[in-house]
Protein backbone atom coordinates (compact mmCIF):
# COMPACT_ATOMS: atom_id res chain seq x y z
CA MET A 1 1.93 2.10 6.09
CA ALA A 2 4.85 4.23 7.42
CA VAL A 3 6.65 1.05 7.31
CA ALA A 4 6.74 -1.24 4.61
CA LEU A 5 8.55 -4.68 4.48
CA ILE A 6 10.78 -3.45 1.63
CA PRO A 7 11.84 0.21 1.00
CA PHE A 8 10.29 0.70 -2.59
CA ASP A 9 13.10 2.73 -4.08
CA ASP A 10 13.33 3.80 -7.84
CA THR A 11 14.68 0.46 -8.84
CA ASP A 12 11.80 -1.42 -7.03
CA ALA A 13 9.27 0.92 -8.90
CA ALA A 14 10.55 0.29 -12.10
CA ALA A 15 10.76 -3.30 -12.01
CA PHE A 16 7.05 -3.19 -10.54
CA ALA A 17 5.86 -1.12 -13.33
CA ALA A 18 7.67 -3.32 -16.01
CA THR A 19 6.56 -6.77 -14.67
CA ARG A 20 3.43 -6.27 -12.31
CA GLU A 21 1.02 -4.58 -14.53
CA LEU A 22 -0.75 -7.22 -16.12
CA PRO A 23 -2.72 -6.87 -19.37
CA ARG A 24 -6.26 -5.84 -18.97
CA ALA A 25 -7.30 -9.05 -21.19
CA GLY A 26 -5.93 -11.34 -18.24
CA LEU A 27 -8.12 -9.53 -15.71
CA GLU A 28 -11.60 -9.72 -16.80
CA ARG A 29 -12.69 -12.20 -14.03
CA TRP A 30 -11.29 -9.40 -11.81
CA ARG A 31 -13.12 -6.84 -13.49
CA TYR A 32 -16.43 -8.77 -12.91
CA ALA A 33 -15.67 -9.76 -9.34
CA VAL A 34 -14.97 -5.86 -8.32
CA GLN A 35 -18.36 -4.86 -10.30
CA GLN A 36 -20.40 -7.15 -8.30
CA HIS A 37 -19.13 -5.70 -4.94
CA LEU A 38 -18.38 -2.39 -5.85
CA ARG A 39 -21.73 -1.83 -7.92
CA PRO A 40 -20.51 1.59 -9.42
CA ARG A 41 -22.44 4.39 -10.25
CA SER A 42 -21.72 7.91 -11.68
CA GLY A 43 -20.46 10.19 -9.21
CA HIS A 44 -18.84 7.52 -6.76
CA THR A 45 -15.38 8.07 -5.58
CA VAL A 46 -13.25 5.19 -4.90
CA LEU A 47 -9.77 5.32 -3.17
CA ASP A 48 -6.97 3.19 -4.36
CA LEU A 49 -5.22 2.72 -1.33
CA GLY A 50 -1.21 2.05 -2.06
CA ALA A 51 -1.87 2.46 -5.85
CA GLY A 52 1.71 1.81 -6.64
CA THR A 53 2.31 2.93 -10.32
CA GLY A 54 -1.41 3.18 -10.67
CA ALA A 55 -2.68 0.36 -12.96
CA TRP A 56 -5.55 -0.51 -10.92
CA ALA A 57 -6.65 3.16 -11.11
CA ASN A 58 -6.63 3.51 -14.62
CA ALA A 59 -8.41 0.23 -15.18
CA PHE A 60 -11.20 1.18 -12.51
CA THR A 61 -11.54 4.34 -14.38
CA ASP A 62 -11.85 2.78 -17.83
CA TRP A 63 -14.08 -0.34 -16.61
CA PHE A 64 -16.44 1.53 -14.25
CA GLY A 65 -16.46 5.40 -15.17
CA VAL A 66 -15.90 6.30 -11.37
CA ARG A 67 -13.64 8.90 -9.75
CA ILE A 68 -10.54 7.06 -8.55
CA LEU A 69 -8.48 8.90 -5.99
CA ALA A 70 -5.03 7.14 -5.84
CA LEU A 71 -3.05 7.51 -2.65
CA GLU A 72 0.45 5.82 -2.36
CA PRO A 73 3.17 6.57 0.22
CA ALA A 74 6.31 5.56 -1.97
CA ALA A 75 7.48 8.45 -3.47
CA ALA A 76 9.31 6.36 -6.04
CA MET A 77 5.86 4.87 -6.79
CA ARG A 78 4.15 8.17 -7.04
CA THR A 79 6.74 9.55 -9.99
CA ARG A 80 5.63 6.63 -11.94
CA CYS A 81 1.89 6.77 -11.40
CA PRO A 82 0.22 8.95 -14.25
CA HIS A 83 -2.98 8.62 -12.73
CA ARG A 84 -4.72 11.95 -11.38
CA PRO A 85 -5.98 12.88 -8.75
CA LEU A 86 -2.74 11.03 -6.85
CA VAL A 87 -1.70 12.01 -3.39
CA GLY A 88 0.72 10.85 -0.85
CA GLY A 89 -0.12 9.79 2.54
CA ASP A 90 0.03 7.09 5.07
CA GLY A 91 -2.86 4.61 5.36
CA THR A 92 -2.81 4.95 9.02
CA ALA A 93 -3.47 8.77 9.09
CA LEU A 94 -5.75 9.25 5.72
CA PRO A 95 -5.49 13.02 4.49
CA LEU A 96 -9.04 12.84 3.61
CA ARG A 97 -12.46 14.16 4.98
CA ASP A 98 -14.75 11.97 7.04
CA THR A 99 -17.39 10.05 4.76
CA SER A 100 -16.06 11.49 1.58
CA LEU A 101 -15.55 8.20 -0.27
CA ASP A 102 -17.91 5.32 -1.70
CA ALA A 103 -15.29 2.52 -1.50
CA ALA A 104 -11.61 1.47 -0.65
CA TRP A 105 -9.54 -0.82 -3.05
CA LEU A 106 -6.18 -2.20 -1.54
CA SER A 107 -4.33 -4.39 -3.93
CA THR A 108 -1.21 -6.48 -2.56
CA MET A 109 -0.59 -3.77 0.01
CA ILE A 110 -2.17 -5.04 3.22
CA HIS A 111 0.96 -6.65 4.36
CA HIS A 112 3.00 -3.37 4.41
CA VAL A 113 0.54 -1.99 6.86
CA PRO A 114 2.11 -1.67 10.55
CA ASP A 115 -1.16 -1.67 12.41
CA LEU A 116 -4.37 -3.06 10.76
CA ASP A 117 -6.63 -1.77 13.87
CA VAL A 118 -5.88 1.69 13.14
CA LEU A 119 -6.23 1.38 9.36
CA ALA A 120 -9.46 -0.04 9.70
CA ARG A 121 -10.47 2.84 11.69
CA GLU A 122 -9.46 5.42 9.28
CA LEU A 123 -11.29 3.50 6.71
CA ARG A 124 -14.40 3.44 8.74
CA ARG A 125 -13.72 7.17 8.99
CA VAL A 126 -13.45 8.18 5.54
CA LEU A 127 -16.10 5.99 4.12
CA ARG A 128 -19.79 6.47 3.60
CA PRO A 129 -21.75 3.96 5.76
CA GLY A 130 -22.44 0.64 3.81
CA ALA A 131 -19.24 1.51 1.59
CA PRO A 132 -17.09 -1.49 0.91
CA VAL A 133 -13.55 -2.29 1.46
CA LEU A 134 -11.92 -4.59 -1.48
CA ILE A 135 -8.88 -6.17 -0.52
CA ARG A 136 -7.00 -8.35 -3.23
CA SER A 137 -4.11 -10.23 -1.85
CA PRO A 138 -2.20 -13.53 -1.35
CA PHE A 139 -3.02 -14.78 2.22
CA PRO A 140 -1.15 -17.23 4.20
CA GLY A 141 -2.46 -20.69 3.76
CA ARG A 142 -4.35 -20.08 0.60
CA HIS A 143 -1.37 -19.87 -1.94
CA GLN A 144 -1.68 -23.05 -3.54
CA ARG A 145 -2.78 -21.89 -6.90
CA ILE A 146 -0.09 -18.77 -7.00
CA ALA A 147 2.61 -19.99 -9.61
CA LEU A 148 5.31 -17.87 -7.75
CA PHE A 149 5.14 -20.16 -4.71
CA ASP A 150 5.61 -23.35 -7.10
CA TRP A 151 9.07 -22.21 -7.86
CA PHE A 152 10.06 -20.30 -4.97
CA PRO A 153 8.46 -22.46 -2.04
CA GLU A 154 10.80 -20.89 0.56
CA ALA A 155 8.85 -17.76 -0.22
CA VAL A 156 5.97 -19.40 1.73
CA ARG A 157 7.67 -18.75 4.81
CA VAL A 158 7.52 -14.96 4.05
CA LEU A 159 3.90 -15.14 3.19
CA ASP A 160 3.22 -16.96 6.53
CA THR A 161 4.12 -13.44 8.05
CA TYR A 162 1.36 -11.79 6.32
CA PRO A 163 -1.88 -10.82 8.11
CA GLY A 164 -4.26 -13.88 7.45
CA VAL A 165 -7.73 -13.70 6.67
CA ALA A 166 -8.79 -14.05 10.30
CA ARG A 167 -6.63 -11.23 11.40
CA VAL A 168 -7.87 -8.72 8.78
CA ARG A 169 -11.52 -9.63 9.52
CA ALA A 170 -11.07 -9.17 13.07
CA ALA A 171 -9.35 -5.54 12.64
CA PHE A 172 -12.19 -4.60 10.34
CA THR A 173 -15.09 -6.25 12.43
CA ALA A 174 -13.88 -3.98 15.45
CA ALA A 175 -13.93 -1.01 13.20
CA GLY A 176 -17.25 -1.22 12.22
CA PHE A 177 -17.28 -3.32 9.24
CA PRO A 178 -19.33 -6.27 10.42
CA VAL A 179 -19.88 -8.37 7.36
CA SER A 180 -17.25 -10.01 5.14
CA THR A 181 -16.73 -12.51 2.23
CA VAL A 182 -13.74 -13.78 0.77
CA GLU A 183 -13.11 -15.48 -2.84
CA PRO A 184 -10.21 -16.41 -5.01
CA VAL A 185 -10.13 -14.69 -8.65
CA ALA A 186 -8.45 -15.86 -11.27
CA GLN A 187 -6.19 -13.87 -13.41
CA THR A 188 -3.82 -14.49 -16.40
CA THR A 189 -0.43 -13.49 -15.28
CA ALA A 190 1.24 -14.76 -18.32
CA ALA A 191 0.40 -16.26 -21.84
CA SER A 192 3.04 -19.12 -21.23
CA LEU A 193 5.61 -20.22 -18.43
CA ALA A 194 8.34 -18.95 -20.57
CA GLU A 195 6.92 -15.45 -20.70
CA TYR A 196 6.56 -15.97 -17.14
CA ALA A 197 10.04 -16.67 -16.60
CA ALA A 198 11.21 -14.20 -18.95
CA LYS A 199 9.56 -11.13 -17.09
CA LEU A 200 10.09 -12.18 -13.42
CA SER A 201 11.97 -9.66 -11.49
CA ARG A 202 12.81 -10.07 -7.98
CA ARG A 203 12.43 -6.34 -7.26
CA ALA A 204 8.66 -6.20 -8.04
CA HIS A 205 7.83 -9.05 -5.64
CA THR A 206 7.97 -8.54 -1.86
CA PRO A 207 8.51 -12.58 -1.04
CA LEU A 208 11.51 -12.78 -3.33
CA HIS A 209 12.98 -9.76 -1.89
CA LEU A 210 12.76 -11.34 1.65
CA ILE A 211 14.20 -14.83 0.77
CA THR A 212 18.05 -15.65 0.60
CA ASP A 213 20.02 -15.21 -2.58
CA GLU A 214 20.65 -18.69 -2.66
CA GLU A 215 16.98 -19.60 -2.36
CA TYR A 216 16.05 -17.12 -5.19
CA GLU A 217 18.97 -18.48 -7.58
CA THR A 218 17.64 -22.16 -7.00
CA GLY A 219 13.90 -21.21 -7.44
CA LEU A 220 15.01 -19.04 -10.64
CA ALA A 221 16.86 -22.16 -11.99
CA ARG A 222 13.67 -24.58 -11.53
CA LEU A 223 11.58 -22.06 -13.16
CA ARG A 224 13.81 -21.87 -16.27
CA VAL A 225 14.35 -25.47 -16.53
CA ALA A 226 10.26 -25.91 -16.62
CA ALA A 227 9.98 -22.65 -18.97
CA ARG A 228 11.93 -24.60 -21.54
CA ARG A 229 8.90 -26.93 -22.15
CA PRO A 230 5.53 -25.84 -23.95
CA SER A 231 3.15 -24.51 -21.60
CA GLY A 232 -0.18 -22.99 -21.33
CA PRO A 233 -1.12 -19.66 -19.71
CA VAL A 234 0.10 -19.02 -16.26
CA VAL A 235 -3.35 -18.59 -14.36
CA ASP A 236 -2.97 -17.50 -10.68
CA HIS A 237 -5.88 -17.14 -7.84
CA LEU A 238 -5.58 -14.20 -5.53
CA ASP A 239 -8.27 -13.74 -2.75
CA LEU A 240 -10.77 -10.90 -3.02
CA LEU A 241 -11.66 -10.23 0.60
CA VAL A 242 -14.99 -7.66 0.67
CA LEU A 243 -15.68 -5.68 3.97
CA ARG A 244 -18.78 -3.77 5.01
């Protein structure tokens, strides 16, 4: 993670904290899905790698009662993360002891990792045998139920540069994680399309960062027109890739 796709300065971190931290009520299916694979027990330590502003670290602490070690390379994100313990560091050189962790959680960050093979080997080193790696992410070719790409179809070309499920599986299989499963998990991202449009921030979404200004403005106009009509909740489906 030494080189992220975007720089994550203070403006990005503020936008992320304000718009990407979803209400817990919208994450119940994620809670259930994670619990099935994590099988949390008292005394377990889970690494939240690329913890951002700490929303998932706090949720896991409340949901599962396990110790969450948050690791975030971007200083701007760390200043807005209230969770403790929190450390800086690089996913390709984890500042952690061998076989010291019971699971790892990686949420919407795998595309920022410059060397997946090194990351996979580092996670194999710090995880205990049989411990799972849980990756929450949009993956290329699997975006059809993510609203962002409905309104900003140009952002699909950015998504297509992300590592796909097959690439991630290959890196982790080579590192000693031979078993993997992938499943889409639903989340309520906003109560309505109007709410979704009102809180959308370009600075909080890597695919929106990396399209042109004209493409962004065109997509935003599409979204705002649609948001004038009554709608139900915006439900997105991101993938959960689990490796052991």
